[in-house]
PDB file of N, CA and C in Angstrom:
ATOM      1  N   UNK A   1     137.465  49.739 -31.418  1.00  0.00           N
ATOM      2  CA  UNK A   1     138.868  50.209 -30.311  1.00  0.00           C
ATOM      3  C   UNK A   1     139.709  50.669 -30.703  1.00  0.00           C
ATOM      4  N   UNK A   2     140.212  49.929 -30.846  1.00  0.00           N
ATOM      5  CA  UNK A   2     141.685  49.632 -31.247  1.00  0.00           C
ATOM      6  C   UNK A   2     141.920  50.532 -32.394  1.00  0.00           C
ATOM      7  N   UNK A   3     141.442  50.870 -32.950  1.00  0.00           N
ATOM      8  CA  UNK A   3     141.910  52.354 -34.380  1.00  0.00           C
ATOM      9  C   UNK A   3     141.260  53.550 -33.698  1.00  0.00           C
ATOM     10  N   UNK A   4     140.714  53.936 -32.883  1.00  0.00           N
ATOM     11  CA  UNK A   4     141.141  54.609 -31.767  1.00  0.00           C
ATOM     12  C   UNK A   4     141.866  54.395 -30.987  1.00  0.00           C
ATOM     13  N   UNK A   5     142.377  53.377 -30.369  1.00  0.00           N
ATOM     14  CA  UNK A   5     144.262  53.908 -30.366  1.00  0.00           C
ATOM     15  C   UNK A   5     144.682  54.589 -30.777  1.00  0.00           C
ATOM     16  N   UNK A   6     144.654  53.797 -32.046  1.00  0.00           N
ATOM     17  CA  UNK A   6     145.747  53.440 -33.583  1.00  0.00           C
ATOM     18  C   UNK A   6     145.368  55.695 -33.281  1.00  0.00           C
ATOM     19  N   UNK A   7     144.745  56.334 -33.476  1.00  0.00           N
ATOM     20  CA  UNK A   7     144.837  57.204 -34.405  1.00  0.00           C
ATOM     21  C   UNK A   7     145.318  57.851 -32.791  1.00  0.00           C
ATOM     22  N   UNK A   8     145.465  58.222 -31.892  1.00  0.00           N
ATOM     23  CA  UNK A   8     145.496  59.087 -30.296  1.00  0.00           C
ATOM     24  C   UNK A   8     147.312  58.376 -30.745  1.00  0.00           C
ATOM     25  N   UNK A   9     147.385  57.061 -30.881  1.00  0.00           N
ATOM     26  CA  UNK A   9     148.568  57.190 -30.598  1.00  0.00           C
ATOM     27  C   UNK A   9     149.843  57.475 -31.697  1.00  0.00           C
ATOM     28  N   UNK A  10     149.497  57.740 -32.862  1.00  0.00           N
ATOM     29  CA  UNK A  10     149.898  58.391 -34.457  1.00  0.00           C
ATOM     30  C   UNK A  10     149.575  59.899 -34.205  1.00  0.00           C
ATOM     31  N   UNK A  11     148.767  60.717 -32.656  1.00  0.00           N
ATOM     32  CA  UNK A  11     148.665  61.683 -33.556  1.00  0.00           C
ATOM     33  C   UNK A  11     149.710  62.045 -31.868  1.00  0.00           C
ATOM     34  N   UNK A  12     149.723  61.427 -30.507  1.00  0.00           N
ATOM     35  CA  UNK A  12     151.137  62.101 -29.422  1.00  0.00           C
ATOM     36  C   UNK A  12     152.405  61.309 -30.700  1.00  0.00           C
ATOM     37  N   UNK A  13     152.218  60.855 -31.671  1.00  0.00           N
ATOM     38  CA  UNK A  13     154.237  60.706 -31.822  1.00  0.00           C
ATOM     39  C   UNK A  13     154.398  62.210 -33.291  1.00  0.00           C
ATOM     40  N   UNK A  14     152.668  62.613 -34.011  1.00  0.00           N
ATOM     41  CA  UNK A  14     152.985  63.727 -34.408  1.00  0.00           C
ATOM     42  C   UNK A  14     153.266  64.644 -33.998  1.00  0.00           C
ATOM     43  N   UNK A  15     153.053  64.845 -32.610  1.00  0.00           N
ATOM     44  CA  UNK A  15     153.026  66.037 -31.723  1.00  0.00           C
ATOM     45  C   UNK A  15     154.545  66.140 -30.388  1.00  0.00           C
ATOM     46  N   UNK A  16     154.985  65.035 -30.794  1.00  0.00           N
ATOM     47  CA  UNK A  16     156.201  64.128 -30.032  1.00  0.00           C
ATOM     48  C   UNK A  16     157.003  65.323 -30.497  1.00  0.00           C
ATOM     49  N   UNK A  17     157.837  66.002 -31.488  1.00  0.00           N
ATOM     50  CA  UNK A  17     158.695  66.657 -31.785  1.00  0.00           C
ATOM     51  C   UNK A  17     158.466  68.085 -31.747  1.00  0.00           C
ATOM     52  N   UNK A  18     157.088  69.058 -31.546  1.00  0.00           N
ATOM     53  CA  UNK A  18     157.017  70.390 -31.042  1.00  0.00           C
ATOM     54  C   UNK A  18     157.176  70.422 -29.686  1.00  0.00           C
ATOM     55  N   UNK A  19     157.025  69.012 -28.563  1.00  0.00           N
ATOM     56  CA  UNK A  19     157.340  69.401 -27.556  1.00  0.00           C
ATOM     57  C   UNK A  19     158.315  69.183 -27.016  1.00  0.00           C
ATOM     58  N   UNK A  20     159.355  68.222 -27.702  1.00  0.00           N
ATOM     59  CA  UNK A  20     160.463  68.098 -26.922  1.00  0.00           C
ATOM     60  C   UNK A  20     161.819  68.116 -27.786  1.00  0.00           C
ATOM     61  N   UNK A  21     161.857  68.749 -28.955  1.00  0.00           N
ATOM     62  CA  UNK A  21     162.300  69.249 -29.889  1.00  0.00           C
ATOM     63  C   UNK A  21     163.979  69.642 -29.343  1.00  0.00           C
ATOM     64  N   UNK A  22     163.710  70.045 -28.504  1.00  0.00           N
ATOM     65  CA  UNK A  22     164.820  70.654 -27.908  1.00  0.00           C
ATOM     66  C   UNK A  22     165.501  69.648 -26.665  1.00  0.00           C
ATOM     67  N   UNK A  23     165.008  68.407 -26.793  1.00  0.00           N
ATOM     68  CA  UNK A  23     165.259  68.223 -24.848  1.00  0.00           C
ATOM     69  C   UNK A  23     165.344  66.339 -24.942  1.00  0.00           C
ATOM     70  N   UNK A  24     166.294  66.356 -24.589  1.00  0.00           N
ATOM     71  CA  UNK A  24     166.915  64.904 -24.461  1.00  0.00           C
ATOM     72  C   UNK A  24     166.728  64.551 -22.986  1.00  0.00           C
ATOM     73  N   UNK A  25     166.336  62.793 -23.467  1.00  0.00           N
ATOM     74  CA  UNK A  25     166.215  62.134 -22.429  1.00  0.00           C
ATOM     75  C   UNK A  25     167.539  61.027 -22.226  1.00  0.00           C
ATOM     76  N   UNK A  26     167.549  60.803 -20.714  1.00  0.00           N
ATOM     77  CA  UNK A  26     168.807  59.241 -20.428  1.00  0.00           C
ATOM     78  C   UNK A  26     168.515  58.615 -20.103  1.00  0.00           C
ATOM     79  N   UNK A  27     168.205  57.547 -20.345  1.00  0.00           N
ATOM     80  CA  UNK A  27     167.950  56.522 -19.051  1.00  0.00           C
ATOM     81  C   UNK A  27     168.466  56.053 -18.132  1.00  0.00           C
ATOM     82  N   UNK A  28     168.155  56.392 -16.588  1.00  0.00           N
ATOM     83  CA  UNK A  28     169.305  55.938 -16.062  1.00  0.00           C
ATOM     84  C   UNK A  28     169.642  54.037 -15.317  1.00  0.00           C
ATOM     85  N   UNK A  29     170.826  53.760 -15.181  1.00  0.00           N
ATOM     86  CA  UNK A  29     170.587  52.364 -15.089  1.00  0.00           C
ATOM     87  C   UNK A  29     169.995  52.463 -13.667  1.00  0.00           C
ATOM     88  N   UNK A  30     169.596  51.105 -14.187  1.00  0.00           N
ATOM     89  CA  UNK A  30     168.464  50.412 -12.373  1.00  0.00           C
ATOM     90  C   UNK A  30     169.316  50.408 -11.642  1.00  0.00           C
ATOM     91  N   UNK A  31     168.470  51.296 -10.520  1.00  0.00           N
ATOM     92  CA  UNK A  31     168.944  51.849  -9.204  1.00  0.00           C
ATOM     93  C   UNK A  31     169.468  52.774  -8.514  1.00  0.00           C
ATOM     94  N   UNK A  32     169.669  53.377  -9.998  1.00  0.00           N
ATOM     95  CA  UNK A  32     170.457  54.314  -9.655  1.00  0.00           C
ATOM     96  C   UNK A  32     169.698  55.627  -8.721  1.00  0.00           C
ATOM     97  N   UNK A  33     170.372  56.599  -7.647  1.00  0.00           N
ATOM     98  CA  UNK A  33     170.107  57.207  -7.081  1.00  0.00           C
ATOM     99  C   UNK A  33     170.386  58.436  -7.583  1.00  0.00           C
ATOM    100  N   UNK A  34     171.428  58.534  -8.634  1.00  0.00           N
ATOM    101  CA  UNK A  34     171.396  60.498  -8.809  1.00  0.00           C
ATOM    102  C   UNK A  34     172.072  60.417 -10.342  1.00  0.00           C
ATOM    103  N   UNK A  35     171.399  61.225 -10.928  1.00  0.00           N
ATOM    104  CA  UNK A  35     171.755  62.069 -12.234  1.00  0.00           C
ATOM    105  C   UNK A  35     172.793  62.845 -12.229  1.00  0.00           C
ATOM    106  N   UNK A  36     173.669  62.561 -13.545  1.00  0.00           N
ATOM    107  CA  UNK A  36     175.340  63.428 -13.832  1.00  0.00           C
ATOM    108  C   UNK A  36     174.190  64.135 -14.500  1.00  0.00           C
ATOM    109  N   UNK A  37     174.984  65.539 -14.711  1.00  0.00           N
ATOM    110  CA  UNK A  37     174.245  66.835 -15.102  1.00  0.00           C
ATOM    111  C   UNK A  37     175.546  66.685 -16.758  1.00  0.00           C
ATOM    112  N   UNK A  38     175.092  66.423 -17.985  1.00  0.00           N
ATOM    113  CA  UNK A  38     176.031  66.085 -19.151  1.00  0.00           C
ATOM    114  C   UNK A  38     177.299  67.563 -19.071  1.00  0.00           C
ATOM    115  N   UNK A  39     176.386  68.655 -18.777  1.00  0.00           N
ATOM    116  CA  UNK A  39     177.505  70.190 -19.298  1.00  0.00           C
ATOM    117  C   UNK A  39     178.073  70.524 -17.859  1.00  0.00           C
ATOM    118  N   UNK A  40     177.627  70.432 -16.892  1.00  0.00           N
ATOM    119  CA  UNK A  40     178.372  70.980 -15.722  1.00  0.00           C
ATOM    120  C   UNK A  40     179.364  69.664 -15.000  1.00  0.00           C
ATOM    121  N   UNK A  41     178.691  68.602 -15.409  1.00  0.00           N
ATOM    122  CA  UNK A  41     179.559  67.633 -14.907  1.00  0.00           C
ATOM    123  C   UNK A  41     178.899  67.649 -13.069  1.00  0.00           C
ATOM    124  N   UNK A  42     177.816  68.265 -12.554  1.00  0.00           N
ATOM    125  CA  UNK A  42     177.435  68.236 -11.434  1.00  0.00           C
ATOM    126  C   UNK A  42     176.328  66.686 -10.793  1.00  0.00           C
ATOM    127  N   UNK A  43     176.044  66.158  -9.689  1.00  0.00           N
ATOM    128  CA  UNK A  43     175.330  65.208  -9.681  1.00  0.00           C
ATOM    129  C   UNK A  43     174.152  66.077  -9.222  1.00  0.00           C
ATOM    130  N   UNK A  44     172.461  65.181  -9.053  1.00  0.00           N
ATOM    131  CA  UNK A  44     171.900  65.442  -8.595  1.00  0.00           C
ATOM    132  C   UNK A  44     170.606  64.445  -8.164  1.00  0.00           C
ATOM    133  N   UNK A  45     169.703  64.251  -6.760  1.00  0.00           N
ATOM    134  CA  UNK A  45     169.123  63.131  -6.598  1.00  0.00           C
ATOM    135  C   UNK A  45     168.685  63.262  -7.256  1.00  0.00           C
ATOM    136  N   UNK A  46     167.648  61.754  -7.179  1.00  0.00           N
ATOM    137  CA  UNK A  46     166.800  61.803  -7.865  1.00  0.00           C
ATOM    138  C   UNK A  46     165.029  62.421  -7.040  1.00  0.00           C
ATOM    139  N   UNK A  47     164.760  62.717  -7.579  1.00  0.00           N
ATOM    140  CA  UNK A  47     163.592  63.540  -7.640  1.00  0.00           C
ATOM    141  C   UNK A  47     163.451  65.264  -7.491  1.00  0.00           C
ATOM    142  N   UNK A  48     164.913  65.598  -8.126  1.00  0.00           N
ATOM    143  CA  UNK A  48     165.375  66.293  -8.092  1.00  0.00           C
ATOM    144  C   UNK A  48     165.629  66.949  -9.829  1.00  0.00           C
ATOM    145  N   UNK A  49     165.233  69.145  -9.635  1.00  0.00           N
ATOM    146  CA  UNK A  49     164.767  69.681 -11.021  1.00  0.00           C
ATOM    147  C   UNK A  49     166.561  70.383 -10.506  1.00  0.00           C
ATOM    148  N   UNK A  50     166.778  71.258 -11.578  1.00  0.00           N
ATOM    149  CA  UNK A  50     167.517  72.305 -11.288  1.00  0.00           C
ATOM    150  C   UNK A  50     167.604  72.536 -13.511  1.00  0.00           C
ATOM    151  N   UNK A  51     168.368  73.536 -12.747  1.00  0.00           N
ATOM    152  CA  UNK A  51     169.108  74.627 -13.913  1.00  0.00           C
ATOM    153  C   UNK A  51     170.441  75.193 -14.231  1.00  0.00           C
ATOM    154  N   UNK A  52     171.176  74.172 -15.112  1.00  0.00           N
ATOM    155  CA  UNK A  52     172.779  74.097 -15.135  1.00  0.00           C
ATOM    156  C   UNK A  52     173.154  75.673 -16.202  1.00  0.00           C
ATOM    157  N   UNK A  53     174.283  75.456 -15.710  1.00  0.00           N
ATOM    158  CA  UNK A  53     175.149  77.068 -16.473  1.00  0.00           C
ATOM    159  C   UNK A  53     175.092  77.055 -17.100  1.00  0.00           C
ATOM    160  N   UNK A  54     174.453  76.215 -18.444  1.00  0.00           N
ATOM    161  CA  UNK A  54     174.046  77.170 -20.318  1.00  0.00           C
ATOM    162  C   UNK A  54     172.223  76.797 -20.574  1.00  0.00           C
ATOM    163  N   UNK A  55     171.530  77.578 -18.471  1.00  0.00           N
ATOM    164  CA  UNK A  55     170.614  77.385 -18.849  1.00  0.00           C
ATOM    165  C   UNK A  55     169.289  75.878 -19.811  1.00  0.00           C
ATOM    166  N   UNK A  56     169.910  74.922 -19.017  1.00  0.00           N
ATOM    167  CA  UNK A  56     168.913  73.786 -19.707  1.00  0.00           C
ATOM    168  C   UNK A  56     168.601  73.628 -18.420  1.00  0.00           C
ATOM    169  N   UNK A  57     167.316  73.188 -18.680  1.00  0.00           N
ATOM    170  CA  UNK A  57     166.424  72.840 -17.697  1.00  0.00           C
ATOM    171  C   UNK A  57     166.524  70.847 -17.328  1.00  0.00           C
ATOM    172  N   UNK A  58     166.710  70.569 -15.929  1.00  0.00           N
ATOM    173  CA  UNK A  58     166.682  69.058 -16.347  1.00  0.00           C
ATOM    174  C   UNK A  58     165.916  68.519 -14.621  1.00  0.00           C
ATOM    175  N   UNK A  59     165.441  67.511 -14.721  1.00  0.00           N
ATOM    176  CA  UNK A  59     164.780  66.939 -13.761  1.00  0.00           C
ATOM    177  C   UNK A  59     165.446  65.102 -14.415  1.00  0.00           C
ATOM    178  N   UNK A  60     165.728  64.125 -12.470  1.00  0.00           N
ATOM    179  CA  UNK A  60     165.652  63.741 -12.551  1.00  0.00           C
ATOM    180  C   UNK A  60     165.199  62.754 -11.878  1.00  0.00           C
ATOM    181  N   UNK A  61     164.026  61.616 -12.386  1.00  0.00           N
ATOM    182  CA  UNK A  61     163.725  60.392 -11.556  1.00  0.00           C
ATOM    183  C   UNK A  61     164.344  59.549 -11.393  1.00  0.00           C
ATOM    184  N   UNK A  62     163.140  59.016 -11.630  1.00  0.00           N
ATOM    185  CA  UNK A  62     163.873  57.586 -10.914  1.00  0.00           C
ATOM    186  C   UNK A  62     164.770  56.296 -11.863  1.00  0.00           C
ATOM    187  N   UNK A  63     163.842  56.927 -13.314  1.00  0.00           N
ATOM    188  CA  UNK A  63     164.664  56.008 -14.565  1.00  0.00           C
ATOM    189  C   UNK A  63     165.184  56.822 -15.021  1.00  0.00           C
ATOM    190  N   UNK A  64     164.898  57.784 -15.207  1.00  0.00           N
ATOM    191  CA  UNK A  64     164.887  58.912 -16.171  1.00  0.00           C
ATOM    192  C   UNK A  64     165.744  59.939 -16.363  1.00  0.00           C
ATOM    193  N   UNK A  65     166.754  60.710 -16.924  1.00  0.00           N
ATOM    194  CA  UNK A  65     167.245  62.430 -16.797  1.00  0.00           C
ATOM    195  C   UNK A  65     166.343  62.940 -17.823  1.00  0.00           C
ATOM    196  N   UNK A  66     165.973  64.288 -17.693  1.00  0.00           N
ATOM    197  CA  UNK A  66     165.428  64.886 -18.901  1.00  0.00           C
ATOM    198  C   UNK A  66     166.144  66.325 -18.372  1.00  0.00           C
ATOM    199  N   UNK A  67     166.139  66.402 -19.788  1.00  0.00           N
ATOM    200  CA  UNK A  67     166.723  67.682 -20.254  1.00  0.00           C
ATOM    201  C   UNK A  67     166.121  68.469 -21.295  1.00  0.00           C
ATOM    202  N   UNK A  68     165.869  69.571 -21.245  1.00  0.00           N
ATOM    203  CA  UNK A  68     164.883  70.299 -22.506  1.00  0.00           C
ATOM    204  C   UNK A  68     166.130  72.155 -21.899  1.00  0.00           C
ATOM    205  N   UNK A  69     165.797  72.918 -23.150  1.00  0.00           N
ATOM    206  CA  UNK A  69     166.606  74.105 -23.536  1.00  0.00           C
ATOM    207  C   UNK A  69     165.682  74.860 -22.827  1.00  0.00           C
ATOM    208  N   UNK A  70     166.670  75.766 -22.405  1.00  0.00           N
ATOM    209  CA  UNK A  70     165.732  77.262 -21.427  1.00  0.00           C
ATOM    210  C   UNK A  70     165.719  77.980 -22.170  1.00  0.00           C
ATOM    211  N   UNK A  71     166.687  78.131 -23.315  1.00  0.00           N
ATOM    212  CA  UNK A  71     166.670  79.528 -24.037  1.00  0.00           C
ATOM    213  C   UNK A  71     166.613  79.266 -25.659  1.00  0.00           C
ATOM    214  N   UNK A  72     165.370  80.617 -25.633  1.00  0.00           N
ATOM    215  CA  UNK A  72     165.021  80.031 -27.766  1.00  0.00           C
ATOM    216  C   UNK A  72     166.088  80.348 -28.614  1.00  0.00           C
ATOM    217  N   UNK A  73     165.994  79.814 -29.708  1.00  0.00           N
ATOM    218  CA  UNK A  73     166.611  79.769 -30.688  1.00  0.00           C
ATOM    219  C   UNK A  73     166.397  81.277 -31.131  1.00  0.00           C
ATOM    220  N   UNK A  74     167.150  81.835 -31.825  1.00  0.00           N
ATOM    221  CA  UNK A  74     166.946  83.488 -32.115  1.00  0.00           C
ATOM    222  C   UNK A  74     167.806  83.117 -33.853  1.00  0.00           C
ATOM    223  N   UNK A  75     167.010  83.892 -34.718  1.00  0.00           N
ATOM    224  CA  UNK A  75     166.236  83.677 -35.543  1.00  0.00           C
ATOM    225  C   UNK A  75     166.590  84.998 -36.142  1.00  0.00           C
ATOM    226  N   UNK A  76     166.121  85.235 -37.742  1.00  0.00           N
ATOM    227  CA  UNK A  76     165.917  86.269 -38.505  1.00  0.00           C
ATOM    228  C   UNK A  76     166.529  87.681 -37.748  1.00  0.00           C
ATOM    229  N   UNK A  77     168.288  87.928 -37.388  1.00  0.00           N
ATOM    230  CA  UNK A  77     168.130  89.174 -37.476  1.00  0.00           C
ATOM    231  C   UNK A  77     169.108  90.018 -37.592  1.00  0.00           C
ATOM    232  N   UNK A  78     169.276  91.120 -38.454  1.00  0.00           N
ATOM    233  CA  UNK A  78     170.225  91.249 -39.398  1.00  0.00           C
ATOM    234  C   UNK A  78     171.800  90.828 -39.054  1.00  0.00           C
ATOM    235  N   UNK A  79     172.549  91.299 -40.580  1.00  0.00           N
ATOM    236  CA  UNK A  79     173.489  90.562 -40.066  1.00  0.00           C
ATOM    237  C   UNK A  79     174.809  91.952 -39.345  1.00  0.00           C
ATOM    238  N   UNK A  80     174.106  93.328 -39.153  1.00  0.00           N
ATOM    239  CA  UNK A  80     175.343  94.094 -38.235  1.00  0.00           C
ATOM    240  C   UNK A  80     174.438  93.410 -37.187  1.00  0.00           C
ATOM    241  N   UNK A  81     173.614  92.204 -36.777  1.00  0.00           N
ATOM    242  CA  UNK A  81     173.270  92.042 -35.177  1.00  0.00           C
ATOM    243  C   UNK A  81     174.545  91.175 -34.400  1.00  0.00           C
ATOM    244  N   UNK A  82     174.054  91.200 -32.897  1.00  0.00           N
ATOM    245  CA  UNK A  82     174.959  90.181 -32.832  1.00  0.00           C
ATOM    246  C   UNK A  82     174.024  89.876 -31.535  1.00  0.00           C
ATOM    247  N   UNK A  83     173.893  88.435 -30.778  1.00  0.00           N
ATOM    248  CA  UNK A  83     173.065  87.325 -30.119  1.00  0.00           C
ATOM    249  C   UNK A  83     173.675  87.932 -28.514  1.00  0.00           C
ATOM    250  N   UNK A  84     173.061  88.110 -27.602  1.00  0.00           N
ATOM    251  CA  UNK A  84     174.478  88.321 -26.384  1.00  0.00           C
ATOM    252  C   UNK A  84     173.200  87.845 -25.316  1.00  0.00           C
ATOM    253  N   UNK A  85     173.987  86.271 -25.217  1.00  0.00           N
ATOM    254  CA  UNK A  85     173.317  85.805 -23.856  1.00  0.00           C
ATOM    255  C   UNK A  85     174.041  85.901 -22.666  1.00  0.00           C
ATOM    256  N   UNK A  86     173.268  86.222 -21.417  1.00  0.00           N
ATOM    257  CA  UNK A  86     173.275  86.519 -20.560  1.00  0.00           C
ATOM    258  C   UNK A  86     172.944  85.056 -19.279  1.00  0.00           C
ATOM    259  N   UNK A  87     174.021  83.871 -19.558  1.00  0.00           N
ATOM    260  CA  UNK A  87     173.700  82.960 -18.646  1.00  0.00           C
ATOM    261  C   UNK A  87     173.526  83.093 -17.527  1.00  0.00           C
ATOM    262  N   UNK A  88     174.138  83.927 -16.432  1.00  0.00           N
ATOM    263  CA  UNK A  88     173.955  84.074 -14.686  1.00  0.00           C
ATOM    264  C   UNK A  88     172.090  84.549 -14.725  1.00  0.00           C
ATOM    265  N   UNK A  89     171.482  85.011 -16.078  1.00  0.00           N
ATOM    266  CA  UNK A  89     169.843  85.577 -15.507  1.00  0.00           C
ATOM    267  C   UNK A  89     169.284  84.347 -16.804  1.00  0.00           C
ATOM    268  N   UNK A  90     169.548  83.608 -17.569  1.00  0.00           N
ATOM    269  CA  UNK A  90     169.029  82.768 -18.265  1.00  0.00           C
ATOM    270  C   UNK A  90     167.980  83.986 -19.500  1.00  0.00           C
ATOM    271  N   UNK A  91     169.131  84.919 -19.905  1.00  0.00           N
ATOM    272  CA  UNK A  91     168.337  85.558 -21.089  1.00  0.00           C
ATOM    273  C   UNK A  91     169.213  86.813 -21.456  1.00  0.00           C
ATOM    274  N   UNK A  92     168.796  86.895 -23.168  1.00  0.00           N
ATOM    275  CA  UNK A  92     169.309  87.431 -24.526  1.00  0.00           C
ATOM    276  C   UNK A  92     169.351  88.404 -24.073  1.00  0.00           C
ATOM    277  N   UNK A  93     170.040  89.419 -25.638  1.00  0.00           N
ATOM    278  CA  UNK A  93     169.848  90.550 -25.892  1.00  0.00           C
ATOM    279  C   UNK A  93     170.234  89.848 -27.190  1.00  0.00           C
ATOM    280  N   UNK A  94     169.119  90.989 -28.794  1.00  0.00           N
ATOM    281  CA  UNK A  94     170.088  91.137 -29.897  1.00  0.00           C
ATOM    282  C   UNK A  94     170.498  92.552 -29.792  1.00  0.00           C
ATOM    283  N   UNK A  95     171.642  92.750 -29.741  1.00  0.00           N
ATOM    284  CA  UNK A  95     172.448  94.235 -30.211  1.00  0.00           C
ATOM    285  C   UNK A  95     173.105  94.265 -31.265  1.00  0.00           C
ATOM    286  N   UNK A  96     173.225  96.093 -32.661  1.00  0.00           N
ATOM    287  CA  UNK A  96     173.538  96.184 -33.082  1.00  0.00           C
ATOM    288  C   UNK A  96     175.676  96.008 -32.155  1.00  0.00           C
ATOM    289  N   UNK A  97     175.907  94.712 -33.210  1.00  0.00           N
ATOM    290  CA  UNK A  97     177.632  94.763 -33.333  1.00  0.00           C
ATOM    291  C   UNK A  97     178.569  96.147 -32.696  1.00  0.00           C
ATOM    292  N   UNK A  98     178.056  96.965 -33.459  1.00  0.00           N
ATOM    293  CA  UNK A  98     178.829  98.320 -33.538  1.00  0.00           C
ATOM    294  C   UNK A  98     178.403  99.159 -31.637  1.00  0.00           C
ATOM    295  N   UNK A  99     176.840  99.309 -31.486  1.00  0.00           N
ATOM    296  CA  UNK A  99     176.731  99.421 -30.909  1.00  0.00           C
ATOM    297  C   UNK A  99     175.724  99.010 -29.751  1.00  0.00           C
ATOM    298  N   UNK A 100     175.989  98.555 -28.979  1.00  0.00           N
ATOM    299  CA  UNK A 100     175.421  97.570 -28.056  1.00  0.00           C
ATOM    300  C   UNK A 100     174.048  98.277 -27.743  1.00  0.00           C
ATOM    301  N   UNK A 101     174.365 100.244 -27.220  1.00  0.00           N
ATOM    302  CA  UNK A 101     172.950 100.138 -27.029  1.00  0.00           C
ATOM    303  C   UNK A 101     171.836 100.474 -27.624  1.00  0.00           C
ATOM    304  N   UNK A 102     171.899 100.014 -28.910  1.00  0.00           N
ATOM    305  CA  UNK A 102     171.359  99.146 -30.231  1.00  0.00           C
ATOM    306  C   UNK A 102     170.706  97.518 -30.478  1.00  0.00           C
ATOM    307  N   UNK A 103     169.177  98.101 -29.997  1.00  0.00           N
ATOM    308  CA  UNK A 103     168.488  96.949 -30.555  1.00  0.00           C
ATOM    309  C   UNK A 103     168.498  96.495 -31.011  1.00  0.00           C
ATOM    310  N   UNK A 104     168.085  94.961 -32.020  1.00  0.00           N
ATOM    311  CA  UNK A 104     167.588  94.347 -33.057  1.00  0.00           C
ATOM    312  C   UNK A 104     166.158  94.029 -32.899  1.00  0.00           C
ATOM    313  N   UNK A 105     166.133  93.846 -34.083  1.00  0.00           N
ATOM    314  CA  UNK A 105     164.879  93.243 -34.948  1.00  0.00           C
ATOM    315  C   UNK A 105     165.489  91.931 -35.073  1.00  0.00           C
ATOM    316  N   UNK A 106     164.834  91.126 -34.080  1.00  0.00           N
ATOM    317  CA  UNK A 106     165.022  89.419 -34.468  1.00  0.00           C
ATOM    318  C   UNK A 106     163.380  88.513 -34.656  1.00  0.00           C
ATOM    319  N   UNK A 107     163.761  87.722 -34.401  1.00  0.00           N
ATOM    320  CA  UNK A 107     163.063  86.178 -34.543  1.00  0.00           C
ATOM    321  C   UNK A 107     162.753  85.209 -33.541  1.00  0.00           C
ATOM    322  N   UNK A 108     162.476  84.578 -32.857  1.00  0.00           N
ATOM    323  CA  UNK A 108     163.159  83.623 -31.679  1.00  0.00           C
ATOM    324  C   UNK A 108     161.887  81.957 -31.708  1.00  0.00           C
ATOM    325  N   UNK A 109     162.100  81.306 -31.243  1.00  0.00           N
ATOM    326  CA  UNK A 109     161.711  80.092 -31.755  1.00  0.00           C
ATOM    327  C   UNK A 109     161.681  78.982 -30.301  1.00  0.00           C
ATOM    328  N   UNK A 110     161.264  79.304 -29.621  1.00  0.00           N
ATOM    329  CA  UNK A 110     160.928  78.784 -28.096  1.00  0.00           C
ATOM    330  C   UNK A 110     161.151  77.244 -28.076  1.00  0.00           C
ATOM    331  N   UNK A 111     162.028  76.459 -27.616  1.00  0.00           N
ATOM    332  CA  UNK A 111     161.765  75.223 -28.003  1.00  0.00           C
ATOM    333  C   UNK A 111     161.406  74.468 -26.589  1.00  0.00           C
TER     334      UNK A 111
END
């Protein structure tokens, strides 16, 4: 039984960076009733979830706040291209620097 538990724990530790690589967790003080968003400096009640102005998705629990990147990391695009983020819609486009109507090929890593 102990070996099986140790294997399970090691397996979960190996997977943790895959689903939490772009997340951060903040411990709340005991008895806290609200979490403060690190980016917008807004306060949110325990039990709530929100998306801030940089598309980071957060949730406030009784003992911790968890926030994860909501946009992918964009890589693998040509030097003549640029990533244009729309933080109001939490989307992005990769377009030619000289002709923004021309879209570029890219790779995205979802965090």
